[in-house]
Amino acid sequence: MQDGKDLLAHAVERKRCASCQRWSGPRRAGQTPGIVLIESETSTGLCQGGPWDGSERRARCACGHWQCWLPAAMAPA
């Protein structure tokens, strides 16, 4: 993952794979709660334990079983 420059801020409220607990793609929590930083909307990762279990999913994909990625819901220490 990049060093922080040119990363896209992805809002948790969009309920997409990038902010789902089950997505294994490259990301990091933003500086404010509710934000996930991703390299690209086309970044991919595997779904782990959800209805798409074992399938590669893009950061912007969605499903009805989204679970908030905990680091994105909390403010940094």
N, C-alpha and C. Protein backbone atom coordinates (compact mmCIF):
# COMPACT_ATOMS: atom_id res chain seq x y z
N MET A 1 0.85 -1.19 0.00
CA MET A 1 0.00 0.00 0.00
C MET A 1 0.89 1.24 0.00
N GLN A 2 0.41 2.29 -0.59
CA GLN A 2 1.16 3.53 -0.69
C GLN A 2 1.43 4.12 0.68
N ASP A 3 2.31 5.12 0.73
CA ASP A 3 2.70 5.74 2.00
C ASP A 3 1.69 6.77 2.51
N GLY A 4 0.55 6.88 1.91
CA GLY A 4 -0.47 7.82 2.38
C GLY A 4 -0.79 8.90 1.36
N LYS A 5 0.10 9.09 0.39
CA LYS A 5 -0.14 10.09 -0.63
C LYS A 5 -1.08 9.53 -1.68
N ASP A 6 -1.99 10.34 -2.14
CA ASP A 6 -2.90 9.98 -3.21
C ASP A 6 -3.84 8.81 -2.89
N LEU A 7 -4.07 8.53 -1.62
CA LEU A 7 -5.04 7.50 -1.26
C LEU A 7 -6.44 8.10 -1.31
N LEU A 8 -7.41 7.28 -1.65
CA LEU A 8 -8.79 7.73 -1.71
C LEU A 8 -9.46 7.57 -0.35
N ALA A 9 -10.19 8.59 0.07
CA ALA A 9 -10.97 8.51 1.30
C ALA A 9 -12.31 7.88 0.96
N HIS A 10 -12.62 6.78 1.60
CA HIS A 10 -13.84 6.03 1.35
C HIS A 10 -14.70 6.09 2.61
N ALA A 11 -15.91 6.62 2.50
CA ALA A 11 -16.79 6.76 3.66
C ALA A 11 -17.42 5.43 4.06
N VAL A 12 -17.34 5.11 5.35
CA VAL A 12 -17.93 3.89 5.88
C VAL A 12 -19.43 3.85 5.59
N GLU A 13 -20.08 4.99 5.62
CA GLU A 13 -21.53 5.04 5.41
C GLU A 13 -21.97 4.51 4.04
N ARG A 14 -21.04 4.37 3.12
CA ARG A 14 -21.37 3.81 1.80
C ARG A 14 -21.60 2.30 1.85
N LYS A 15 -21.13 1.66 2.93
CA LYS A 15 -21.31 0.22 3.16
C LYS A 15 -20.84 -0.61 1.97
N ARG A 16 -19.60 -0.38 1.58
CA ARG A 16 -18.98 -1.13 0.49
C ARG A 16 -17.90 -2.04 1.05
N CYS A 17 -17.39 -2.93 0.23
CA CYS A 17 -16.38 -3.90 0.69
C CYS A 17 -15.18 -3.24 1.36
N ALA A 18 -14.73 -2.10 0.87
CA ALA A 18 -13.55 -1.45 1.44
C ALA A 18 -13.69 -1.18 2.93
N SER A 19 -14.91 -1.01 3.41
CA SER A 19 -15.12 -0.73 4.83
C SER A 19 -15.78 -1.88 5.58
N CYS A 20 -15.77 -3.06 4.97
CA CYS A 20 -16.38 -4.24 5.58
C CYS A 20 -15.34 -5.06 6.35
N GLN A 21 -15.72 -5.55 7.50
CA GLN A 21 -14.86 -6.38 8.34
C GLN A 21 -14.36 -7.62 7.58
N ARG A 22 -15.13 -8.11 6.65
CA ARG A 22 -14.82 -9.36 5.96
C ARG A 22 -13.90 -9.22 4.76
N TRP A 23 -13.60 -8.00 4.34
CA TRP A 23 -12.78 -7.76 3.15
C TRP A 23 -11.31 -7.75 3.52
N SER A 24 -10.48 -8.43 2.74
CA SER A 24 -9.05 -8.55 3.05
C SER A 24 -8.14 -7.68 2.19
N GLY A 25 -8.70 -6.77 1.45
CA GLY A 25 -7.89 -5.93 0.56
C GLY A 25 -7.06 -4.89 1.30
N PRO A 26 -6.14 -4.23 0.57
CA PRO A 26 -5.27 -3.22 1.18
C PRO A 26 -6.04 -1.95 1.54
N ARG A 27 -5.91 -1.54 2.79
CA ARG A 27 -6.61 -0.36 3.29
C ARG A 27 -6.01 0.05 4.62
N ARG A 28 -6.37 1.23 5.06
CA ARG A 28 -6.01 1.67 6.41
C ARG A 28 -7.09 2.63 6.90
N ALA A 29 -7.20 2.74 8.20
CA ALA A 29 -8.18 3.64 8.79
C ALA A 29 -7.76 5.08 8.54
N GLY A 30 -8.73 5.94 8.31
CA GLY A 30 -8.45 7.36 8.13
C GLY A 30 -8.16 8.04 9.45
N GLN A 31 -7.84 9.31 9.39
CA GLN A 31 -7.54 10.09 10.59
C GLN A 31 -8.78 10.46 11.38
N THR A 32 -9.94 10.32 10.77
CA THR A 32 -11.20 10.60 11.46
C THR A 32 -12.07 9.34 11.39
N PRO A 33 -12.93 9.15 12.39
CA PRO A 33 -13.82 7.99 12.36
C PRO A 33 -14.69 8.01 11.12
N GLY A 34 -14.99 6.83 10.60
CA GLY A 34 -15.88 6.73 9.46
C GLY A 34 -15.21 6.81 8.10
N ILE A 35 -13.87 6.82 8.09
CA ILE A 35 -13.13 6.92 6.83
C ILE A 35 -12.15 5.76 6.70
N VAL A 36 -12.12 5.16 5.51
CA VAL A 36 -11.15 4.13 5.16
C VAL A 36 -10.34 4.67 3.99
N LEU A 37 -9.04 4.49 4.02
CA LEU A 37 -8.17 4.93 2.93
C LEU A 37 -7.82 3.73 2.06
N ILE A 38 -8.04 3.88 0.76
CA ILE A 38 -7.75 2.82 -0.20
C ILE A 38 -6.95 3.40 -1.36
N GLU A 39 -6.22 2.53 -2.06
CA GLU A 39 -5.43 2.99 -3.21
C GLU A 39 -6.31 3.31 -4.40
N SER A 40 -7.35 2.49 -4.61
CA SER A 40 -8.18 2.62 -5.80
C SER A 40 -9.54 1.97 -5.55
N GLU A 41 -10.55 2.46 -6.22
CA GLU A 41 -11.87 1.84 -6.13
C GLU A 41 -11.86 0.44 -6.75
N THR A 42 -10.82 0.15 -7.52
CA THR A 42 -10.73 -1.17 -8.14
C THR A 42 -9.78 -2.10 -7.39
N SER A 43 -9.26 -1.66 -6.23
CA SER A 43 -8.44 -2.55 -5.40
C SER A 43 -9.28 -3.78 -5.06
N THR A 44 -8.62 -4.94 -4.96
CA THR A 44 -9.34 -6.17 -4.68
C THR A 44 -8.84 -6.86 -3.42
N GLY A 45 -9.71 -7.67 -2.85
CA GLY A 45 -9.39 -8.49 -1.70
C GLY A 45 -10.40 -9.62 -1.62
N LEU A 46 -10.07 -10.63 -0.85
CA LEU A 46 -11.00 -11.75 -0.69
C LEU A 46 -12.02 -11.45 0.38
N CYS A 47 -13.24 -11.92 0.15
CA CYS A 47 -14.28 -11.90 1.17
C CYS A 47 -13.97 -13.08 2.10
N GLN A 48 -13.97 -12.84 3.38
CA GLN A 48 -13.65 -13.88 4.35
C GLN A 48 -14.82 -14.09 5.31
N GLY A 49 -15.61 -15.10 5.04
CA GLY A 49 -16.70 -15.46 5.94
C GLY A 49 -18.06 -14.90 5.58
N GLY A 50 -18.14 -14.05 4.58
CA GLY A 50 -19.42 -13.50 4.17
C GLY A 50 -20.07 -14.34 3.08
N PRO A 51 -21.12 -13.84 2.48
CA PRO A 51 -21.80 -14.60 1.44
C PRO A 51 -20.95 -14.80 0.19
N TRP A 52 -19.92 -13.99 0.02
CA TRP A 52 -19.00 -14.14 -1.11
C TRP A 52 -17.72 -14.82 -0.66
N ASP A 53 -17.76 -15.58 0.41
CA ASP A 53 -16.58 -16.20 1.04
C ASP A 53 -15.65 -16.84 0.01
N GLY A 54 -14.39 -16.40 0.06
CA GLY A 54 -13.37 -16.93 -0.84
C GLY A 54 -13.33 -16.28 -2.20
N SER A 55 -14.27 -15.38 -2.48
CA SER A 55 -14.32 -14.71 -3.78
C SER A 55 -13.58 -13.38 -3.72
N GLU A 56 -12.90 -13.06 -4.82
CA GLU A 56 -12.24 -11.76 -4.92
C GLU A 56 -13.30 -10.69 -5.15
N ARG A 57 -13.22 -9.62 -4.35
CA ARG A 57 -14.20 -8.53 -4.44
C ARG A 57 -13.46 -7.20 -4.55
N ARG A 58 -14.01 -6.31 -5.33
CA ARG A 58 -13.44 -4.96 -5.46
C ARG A 58 -13.86 -4.09 -4.29
N ALA A 59 -13.08 -3.07 -4.02
CA ALA A 59 -13.32 -2.17 -2.90
C ALA A 59 -14.72 -1.54 -2.95
N ARG A 60 -15.23 -1.27 -4.12
CA ARG A 60 -16.52 -0.58 -4.22
C ARG A 60 -17.73 -1.52 -4.27
N CYS A 61 -17.49 -2.84 -4.26
CA CYS A 61 -18.60 -3.80 -4.28
C CYS A 61 -19.39 -3.74 -2.97
N ALA A 62 -20.59 -4.27 -3.01
CA ALA A 62 -21.44 -4.28 -1.83
C ALA A 62 -22.25 -5.57 -1.78
N CYS A 63 -22.75 -5.88 -0.60
CA CYS A 63 -23.68 -6.99 -0.44
C CYS A 63 -24.55 -6.69 0.77
N GLY A 64 -25.54 -7.48 1.00
CA GLY A 64 -26.47 -7.24 2.10
C GLY A 64 -25.98 -7.70 3.46
N HIS A 65 -24.73 -8.19 3.54
CA HIS A 65 -24.20 -8.71 4.81
C HIS A 65 -22.99 -7.93 5.29
N TRP A 66 -22.91 -6.65 4.94
CA TRP A 66 -21.80 -5.77 5.30
C TRP A 66 -21.69 -5.65 6.82
N GLN A 67 -20.44 -5.67 7.31
CA GLN A 67 -20.16 -5.45 8.73
C GLN A 67 -19.05 -4.41 8.81
N CYS A 68 -19.25 -3.39 9.62
CA CYS A 68 -18.27 -2.30 9.71
C CYS A 68 -16.90 -2.79 10.19
N TRP A 69 -15.86 -2.39 9.46
CA TRP A 69 -14.48 -2.68 9.84
C TRP A 69 -14.16 -1.82 11.06
N LEU A 70 -13.91 -2.43 12.18
CA LEU A 70 -13.75 -1.74 13.46
C LEU A 70 -12.73 -0.61 13.45
N PRO A 71 -11.52 -0.77 12.88
CA PRO A 71 -10.58 0.35 12.88
C PRO A 71 -11.12 1.61 12.21
N ALA A 72 -12.00 1.47 11.23
CA ALA A 72 -12.55 2.63 10.54
C ALA A 72 -13.63 3.32 11.36
N ALA A 73 -14.22 2.63 12.30
CA ALA A 73 -15.29 3.20 13.11
C ALA A 73 -14.76 4.00 14.29
N MET A 74 -13.48 3.83 14.62
CA MET A 74 -12.91 4.46 15.80
C MET A 74 -11.94 5.57 15.41
N ALA A 75 -11.82 6.56 16.29
CA ALA A 75 -10.86 7.63 16.09
C ALA A 75 -9.46 7.13 16.47
N PRO A 76 -8.41 7.63 15.81
CA PRO A 76 -7.06 7.21 16.18
C PRO A 76 -6.72 7.66 17.60
N ALA A 77 -5.83 6.91 18.23
CA ALA A 77 -5.42 7.25 19.62
C ALA A 77 -4.57 8.50 19.64
